[in-house]
PDB file of N, CA and C in Angstrom:
ATOM      1  N   ILE A   1    -138.154-238.705 -22.176  1.00  0.00           N
ATOM      2  CA  ILE A   1    -138.458-239.983 -22.578  1.00  0.00           C
ATOM      3  C   ILE A   1    -138.541-241.010 -21.429  1.00  0.00           C
ATOM      4  N   SER A   2    -139.588-241.735 -21.294  1.00  0.00           N
ATOM      5  CA  SER A   2    -139.832-242.657 -20.152  1.00  0.00           C
ATOM      6  C   SER A   2    -139.558-244.016 -20.682  1.00  0.00           C
ATOM      7  N   GLY A   3    -139.001-244.873 -19.810  1.00  0.00           N
ATOM      8  CA  GLY A   3    -138.813-246.218 -19.967  1.00  0.00           C
ATOM      9  C   GLY A   3    -138.651-246.955 -18.779  1.00  0.00           C
ATOM     10  N   SER A   4    -138.615-248.273 -18.788  1.00  0.00           N
ATOM     11  CA  SER A   4    -138.411-249.110 -17.617  1.00  0.00           C
ATOM     12  C   SER A   4    -137.262-250.166 -17.839  1.00  0.00           C
ATOM     13  N   VAL A   5    -136.764-250.553 -16.654  1.00  0.00           N
ATOM     14  CA  VAL A   5    -135.588-251.426 -16.591  1.00  0.00           C
ATOM     15  C   VAL A   5    -136.073-252.820 -17.038  1.00  0.00           C
ATOM     16  N   THR A   6    -135.326-253.469 -18.017  1.00  0.00           N
ATOM     17  CA  THR A   6    -135.585-254.750 -18.483  1.00  0.00           C
ATOM     18  C   THR A   6    -134.603-255.825 -18.152  1.00  0.00           C
ATOM     19  N   THR A   7    -133.402-255.421 -17.874  1.00  0.00           N
ATOM     20  CA  THR A   7    -132.262-256.185 -17.427  1.00  0.00           C
ATOM     21  C   THR A   7    -131.349-255.440 -16.468  1.00  0.00           C
ATOM     22  N   VAL A   8    -130.714-256.097 -15.560  1.00  0.00           N
ATOM     23  CA  VAL A   8    -129.921-255.510 -14.603  1.00  0.00           C
ATOM     24  C   VAL A   8    -128.570-256.196 -14.681  1.00  0.00           C
ATOM     25  N   ASN A   9    -127.435-255.449 -14.951  1.00  0.00           N
ATOM     26  CA  ASN A   9    -126.102-255.931 -14.984  1.00  0.00           C
ATOM     27  C   ASN A   9    -125.435-255.518 -13.750  1.00  0.00           C
ATOM     28  N   SER A  10    -125.615-254.357 -13.297  1.00  0.00           N
ATOM     29  CA  SER A  10    -124.948-253.743 -12.049  1.00  0.00           C
ATOM     30  C   SER A  10    -125.705-252.645 -11.499  1.00  0.00           C
ATOM     31  N   VAL A  11    -125.174-251.914 -10.426  1.00  0.00           N
ATOM     32  CA  VAL A  11    -125.790-250.764  -9.991  1.00  0.00           C
ATOM     33  C   VAL A  11    -125.628-249.490 -10.954  1.00  0.00           C
ATOM     34  N   ALA A  12    -124.740-249.789 -11.983  1.00  0.00           N
ATOM     35  CA  ALA A  12    -124.482-248.635 -12.954  1.00  0.00           C
ATOM     36  C   ALA A  12    -124.782-249.099 -14.444  1.00  0.00           C
ATOM     37  N   THR A  13    -125.185-250.180 -14.712  1.00  0.00           N
ATOM     38  CA  THR A  13    -125.437-250.694 -16.082  1.00  0.00           C
ATOM     39  C   THR A  13    -126.668-251.480 -16.085  1.00  0.00           C
ATOM     40  N   PHE A  14    -127.518-251.177 -16.983  1.00  0.00           N
ATOM     41  CA  PHE A  14    -128.847-251.922 -17.028  1.00  0.00           C
ATOM     42  C   PHE A  14    -129.476-251.754 -18.329  1.00  0.00           C
ATOM     43  N   GLY A  15    -130.413-252.607 -18.755  1.00  0.00           N
ATOM     44  CA  GLY A  15    -131.126-252.507 -20.026  1.00  0.00           C
ATOM     45  C   GLY A  15    -132.506-251.947 -19.770  1.00  0.00           C
ATOM     46  N   THR A  16    -132.981-251.294 -20.888  1.00  0.00           N
ATOM     47  CA  THR A  16    -134.257-250.585 -20.803  1.00  0.00           C
ATOM     48  C   THR A  16    -135.175-250.972 -22.030  1.00  0.00           C
ATOM     49  N   ASP A  17    -136.433-250.656 -22.011  1.00  0.00           N
ATOM     50  CA  ASP A  17    -137.182-250.905 -23.170  1.00  0.00           C
ATOM     51  C   ASP A  17    -137.173-249.745 -24.159  1.00  0.00           C
ATOM     52  N   THR A  18    -136.319-248.750 -24.084  1.00  0.00           N
ATOM     53  CA  THR A  18    -136.242-247.583 -24.902  1.00  0.00           C
ATOM     54  C   THR A  18    -135.726-248.035 -26.208  1.00  0.00           C
ATOM     55  N   THR A  19    -135.985-247.329 -27.346  1.00  0.00           N
ATOM     56  CA  THR A  19    -135.538-247.722 -28.684  1.00  0.00           C
ATOM     57  C   THR A  19    -134.831-246.643 -29.408  1.00  0.00           C
ATOM     58  N   GLN A  20    -134.290-245.617 -28.617  1.00  0.00           N
ATOM     59  CA  GLN A  20    -133.636-244.526 -29.281  1.00  0.00           C
ATOM     60  C   GLN A  20    -132.349-245.096 -29.884  1.00  0.00           C
ATOM     61  N   PRO A  21    -131.733-244.303 -30.852  1.00  0.00           N
ATOM     62  CA  PRO A  21    -130.535-244.748 -31.451  1.00  0.00           C
ATOM     63  C   PRO A  21    -129.290-244.721 -30.566  1.00  0.00           C
ATOM     64  N   ASP A  22    -128.282-245.497 -30.908  1.00  0.00           N
ATOM     65  CA  ASP A  22    -127.100-245.504 -30.092  1.00  0.00           C
ATOM     66  C   ASP A  22    -126.586-244.101 -29.725  1.00  0.00           C
ATOM     67  N   GLY A  23    -126.268-243.896 -28.457  1.00  0.00           N
ATOM     68  CA  GLY A  23    -125.657-242.602 -28.028  1.00  0.00           C
ATOM     69  C   GLY A  23    -126.662-241.587 -27.736  1.00  0.00           C
ATOM     70  N   TYR A  24    -127.991-241.823 -27.960  1.00  0.00           N
ATOM     71  CA  TYR A  24    -129.044-240.815 -27.749  1.00  0.00           C
ATOM     72  C   TYR A  24    -128.981-240.216 -26.371  1.00  0.00           C
ATOM     73  N   PHE A  25    -128.817-241.070 -25.268  1.00  0.00           N
ATOM     74  CA  PHE A  25    -128.778-240.627 -23.953  1.00  0.00           C
ATOM     75  C   PHE A  25    -127.458-240.199 -23.438  1.00  0.00           C
ATOM     76  N   ASP A  26    -126.424-240.366 -24.189  1.00  0.00           N
ATOM     77  CA  ASP A  26    -124.998-240.010 -23.802  1.00  0.00           C
ATOM     78  C   ASP A  26    -124.965-238.593 -23.121  1.00  0.00           C
ATOM     79  N   TYR A  27    -124.298-238.636 -21.945  1.00  0.00           N
ATOM     80  CA  TYR A  27    -124.075-237.369 -21.183  1.00  0.00           C
ATOM     81  C   TYR A  27    -125.310-236.681 -20.729  1.00  0.00           C
ATOM     82  N   GLY A  28    -126.428-237.441 -20.821  1.00  0.00           N
ATOM     83  CA  GLY A  28    -127.761-236.917 -20.223  1.00  0.00           C
ATOM     84  C   GLY A  28    -127.912-237.233 -18.775  1.00  0.00           C
ATOM     85  N   VAL A  29    -129.111-237.149 -18.244  1.00  0.00           N
ATOM     86  CA  VAL A  29    -129.389-237.361 -16.807  1.00  0.00           C
ATOM     87  C   VAL A  29    -130.579-238.354 -16.860  1.00  0.00           C
ATOM     88  N   ILE A  30    -130.467-239.360 -15.941  1.00  0.00           N
ATOM     89  CA  ILE A  30    -131.633-240.195 -15.696  1.00  0.00           C
ATOM     90  C   ILE A  30    -132.161-239.891 -14.342  1.00  0.00           C
ATOM     91  N   THR A  31    -133.496-239.836 -14.321  1.00  0.00           N
ATOM     92  CA  THR A  31    -134.167-239.492 -12.959  1.00  0.00           C
ATOM     93  C   THR A  31    -135.188-240.653 -12.782  1.00  0.00           C
ATOM     94  N   TRP A  32    -135.012-241.308 -11.707  1.00  0.00           N
ATOM     95  CA  TRP A  32    -135.718-242.444 -11.208  1.00  0.00           C
ATOM     96  C   TRP A  32    -137.119-241.974 -10.802  1.00  0.00           C
ATOM     97  N   LEU A  33    -138.197-242.655 -11.275  1.00  0.00           N
ATOM     98  CA  LEU A  33    -139.525-242.380 -10.832  1.00  0.00           C
ATOM     99  C   LEU A  33    -140.056-243.440  -9.773  1.00  0.00           C
ATOM    100  N   THR A  34    -139.651-244.533  -9.917  1.00  0.00           N
ATOM    101  CA  THR A  34    -140.121-245.759  -9.025  1.00  0.00           C
ATOM    102  C   THR A  34    -138.964-246.494  -8.450  1.00  0.00           C
ATOM    103  N   GLY A  35    -139.254-247.408  -7.539  1.00  0.00           N
ATOM    104  CA  GLY A  35    -138.163-248.242  -6.961  1.00  0.00           C
ATOM    105  C   GLY A  35    -137.378-247.548  -5.799  1.00  0.00           C
ATOM    106  N   LYS A  36    -136.413-248.247  -5.403  1.00  0.00           N
ATOM    107  CA  LYS A  36    -135.606-247.760  -4.312  1.00  0.00           C
ATOM    108  C   LYS A  36    -134.892-246.475  -4.651  1.00  0.00           C
ATOM    109  N   ASN A  37    -134.504-246.090  -5.881  1.00  0.00           N
ATOM    110  CA  ASN A  37    -133.862-244.974  -6.297  1.00  0.00           C
ATOM    111  C   ASN A  37    -134.755-243.868  -6.653  1.00  0.00           C
ATOM    112  N   ALA A  38    -136.174-244.071  -6.390  1.00  0.00           N
ATOM    113  CA  ALA A  38    -137.086-242.980  -6.822  1.00  0.00           C
ATOM    114  C   ALA A  38    -136.689-241.601  -6.348  1.00  0.00           C
ATOM    115  N   GLY A  39    -136.786-240.589  -7.164  1.00  0.00           N
ATOM    116  CA  GLY A  39    -136.426-239.290  -6.867  1.00  0.00           C
ATOM    117  C   GLY A  39    -134.929-238.896  -7.030  1.00  0.00           C
ATOM    118  N   LEU A  40    -134.047-239.932  -7.265  1.00  0.00           N
ATOM    119  CA  LEU A  40    -132.666-239.712  -7.402  1.00  0.00           C
ATOM    120  C   LEU A  40    -132.369-239.500  -8.937  1.00  0.00           C
ATOM    121  N   SER A  41    -131.302-238.835  -9.183  1.00  0.00           N
ATOM    122  CA  SER A  41    -130.796-238.708 -10.602  1.00  0.00           C
ATOM    123  C   SER A  41    -129.349-238.972 -10.727  1.00  0.00           C
ATOM    124  N   GLN A  42    -128.840-239.337 -11.879  1.00  0.00           N
ATOM    125  CA  GLN A  42    -127.431-239.644 -12.112  1.00  0.00           C
ATOM    126  C   GLN A  42    -127.215-239.356 -13.579  1.00  0.00           C
ATOM    127  N   ASP A  43    -125.978-238.907 -13.786  1.00  0.00           N
ATOM    128  CA  ASP A  43    -125.458-238.740 -15.134  1.00  0.00           C
ATOM    129  C   ASP A  43    -125.247-240.044 -15.922  1.00  0.00           C
ATOM    130  N   VAL A  44    -125.696-240.029 -17.269  1.00  0.00           N
ATOM    131  CA  VAL A  44    -125.500-241.112 -18.111  1.00  0.00           C
ATOM    132  C   VAL A  44    -124.218-241.002 -18.813  1.00  0.00           C
ATOM    133  N   LYS A  45    -123.429-242.107 -18.742  1.00  0.00           N
ATOM    134  CA  LYS A  45    -122.110-242.036 -19.476  1.00  0.00           C
ATOM    135  C   LYS A  45    -122.387-242.391 -20.920  1.00  0.00           C
ATOM    136  N   HIS A  46    -123.041-243.497 -21.203  1.00  0.00           N
ATOM    137  CA  HIS A  46    -123.325-243.802 -22.527  1.00  0.00           C
ATOM    138  C   HIS A  46    -124.452-244.734 -22.703  1.00  0.00           C
ATOM    139  N   SER A  47    -125.016-244.768 -23.804  1.00  0.00           N
ATOM    140  CA  SER A  47    -126.123-245.691 -24.147  1.00  0.00           C
ATOM    141  C   SER A  47    -126.067-246.240 -25.468  1.00  0.00           C
ATOM    142  N   ALA A  48    -126.613-247.473 -25.488  1.00  0.00           N
ATOM    143  CA  ALA A  48    -126.554-248.293 -26.903  1.00  0.00           C
ATOM    144  C   ALA A  48    -127.828-248.524 -27.336  1.00  0.00           C
ATOM    145  N   SER A  49    -127.925-248.645 -28.694  1.00  0.00           N
ATOM    146  CA  SER A  49    -129.314-248.788 -29.316  1.00  0.00           C
ATOM    147  C   SER A  49    -130.036-249.972 -28.841  1.00  0.00           C
ATOM    148  N   ILE A  50    -129.335-250.955 -28.299  1.00  0.00           N
ATOM    149  CA  ILE A  50    -130.022-252.172 -27.669  1.00  0.00           C
ATOM    150  C   ILE A  50    -130.722-251.861 -26.377  1.00  0.00           C
ATOM    151  N   GLY A  51    -130.653-250.560 -25.914  1.00  0.00           N
ATOM    152  CA  GLY A  51    -131.274-250.199 -24.732  1.00  0.00           C
ATOM    153  C   GLY A  51    -130.489-250.303 -23.534  1.00  0.00           C
ATOM    154  N   THR A  52    -129.152-250.425 -23.600  1.00  0.00           N
ATOM    155  CA  THR A  52    -128.358-250.571 -22.509  1.00  0.00           C
ATOM    156  C   THR A  52    -127.832-249.021 -22.035  1.00  0.00           C
ATOM    157  N   ILE A  53    -128.007-248.834 -20.730  1.00  0.00           N
ATOM    158  CA  ILE A  53    -127.592-247.597 -20.198  1.00  0.00           C
ATOM    159  C   ILE A  53    -126.441-247.776 -19.250  1.00  0.00           C
ATOM    160  N   CYS A  54    -125.390-247.006 -19.236  1.00  0.00           N
ATOM    161  CA  CYS A  54    -124.262-247.041 -18.458  1.00  0.00           C
ATOM    162  C   CYS A  54    -124.096-245.659 -17.684  1.00  0.00           C
ATOM    163  N   LEU A  55    -124.146-245.654 -16.377  1.00  0.00           N
ATOM    164  CA  LEU A  55    -124.009-244.419 -15.755  1.00  0.00           C
ATOM    165  C   LEU A  55    -122.657-244.168 -15.239  1.00  0.00           C
ATOM    166  N   PHE A  56    -122.245-242.908 -15.014  1.00  0.00           N
ATOM    167  CA  PHE A  56    -120.871-242.526 -14.652  1.00  0.00           C
ATOM    168  C   PHE A  56    -120.660-242.962 -13.256  1.00  0.00           C
ATOM    169  N   MET A  57    -121.687-242.936 -12.344  1.00  0.00           N
ATOM    170  CA  MET A  57    -121.467-243.327 -11.025  1.00  0.00           C
ATOM    171  C   MET A  57    -122.664-244.345 -10.623  1.00  0.00           C
ATOM    172  N   PRO A  58    -122.357-245.305  -9.861  1.00  0.00           N
ATOM    173  CA  PRO A  58    -123.485-246.201  -9.502  1.00  0.00           C
ATOM    174  C   PRO A  58    -124.636-245.530  -8.653  1.00  0.00           C
ATOM    175  N   MET A  59    -125.751-246.196  -8.755  1.00  0.00           N
ATOM    176  CA  MET A  59    -126.940-245.768  -7.950  1.00  0.00           C
ATOM    177  C   MET A  59    -126.651-246.258  -6.564  1.00  0.00           C
ATOM    178  N   PRO A  60    -127.304-245.706  -5.514  1.00  0.00           N
ATOM    179  CA  PRO A  60    -127.182-246.155  -4.202  1.00  0.00           C
ATOM    180  C   PRO A  60    -127.771-247.585  -4.103  1.00  0.00           C
ATOM    181  N   PHE A  61    -128.871-247.882  -4.887  1.00  0.00           N
ATOM    182  CA  PHE A  61    -129.614-249.183  -4.879  1.00  0.00           C
ATOM    183  C   PHE A  61    -129.636-249.761  -6.291  1.00  0.00           C
ATOM    184  N   THR A  62    -129.383-251.060  -6.325  1.00  0.00           N
ATOM    185  CA  THR A  62    -129.471-251.703  -7.640  1.00  0.00           C
ATOM    186  C   THR A  62    -130.869-251.629  -8.202  1.00  0.00           C
ATOM    187  N   PRO A  63    -130.917-251.070  -9.474  1.00  0.00           N
ATOM    188  CA  PRO A  63    -132.260-250.847 -10.115  1.00  0.00           C
ATOM    189  C   PRO A  63    -132.920-252.291 -10.165  1.00  0.00           C
ATOM    190  N   ALA A  64    -134.242-252.407 -10.093  1.00  0.00           N
ATOM    191  CA  ALA A  64    -134.973-253.660 -10.207  1.00  0.00           C
ATOM    192  C   ALA A  64    -135.838-253.676 -11.470  1.00  0.00           C
ATOM    193  N   LEU A  65    -136.030-254.779 -11.960  1.00  0.00           N
ATOM    194  CA  LEU A  65    -136.802-254.997 -13.176  1.00  0.00           C
ATOM    195  C   LEU A  65    -138.194-254.237 -13.001  1.00  0.00           C
ATOM    196  N   GLY A  66    -138.512-253.487 -14.096  1.00  0.00           N
ATOM    197  CA  GLY A  66    -139.663-252.591 -14.108  1.00  0.00           C
ATOM    198  C   GLY A  66    -139.584-251.256 -13.481  1.00  0.00           C
ATOM    199  N   ASP A  67    -138.476-250.995 -12.789  1.00  0.00           N
ATOM    200  CA  ASP A  67    -138.329-249.519 -12.271  1.00  0.00           C
ATOM    201  C   ASP A  67    -138.317-248.666 -13.438  1.00  0.00           C
ATOM    202  N   THR A  68    -138.886-247.462 -13.277  1.00  0.00           N
ATOM    203  CA  THR A  68    -139.064-246.462 -14.223  1.00  0.00           C
ATOM    204  C   THR A  68    -138.178-245.263 -13.948  1.00  0.00           C
TER     205      THR A  68
END
């Protein structure tokens, strides 16, 4: 599933334009396609139906609006 960053709370928590149900991305992996984190991956801790993603570990760079 592809999505983009719509809000940024921290280097480990951000909002997306995805609409999957609460928990859909739990314990999955996010791989960045664009932005300063492009090509990097990180484990997802949990996700909420409102499109919020929380990572186990922070990314090296803060995600920017529009990053995919």
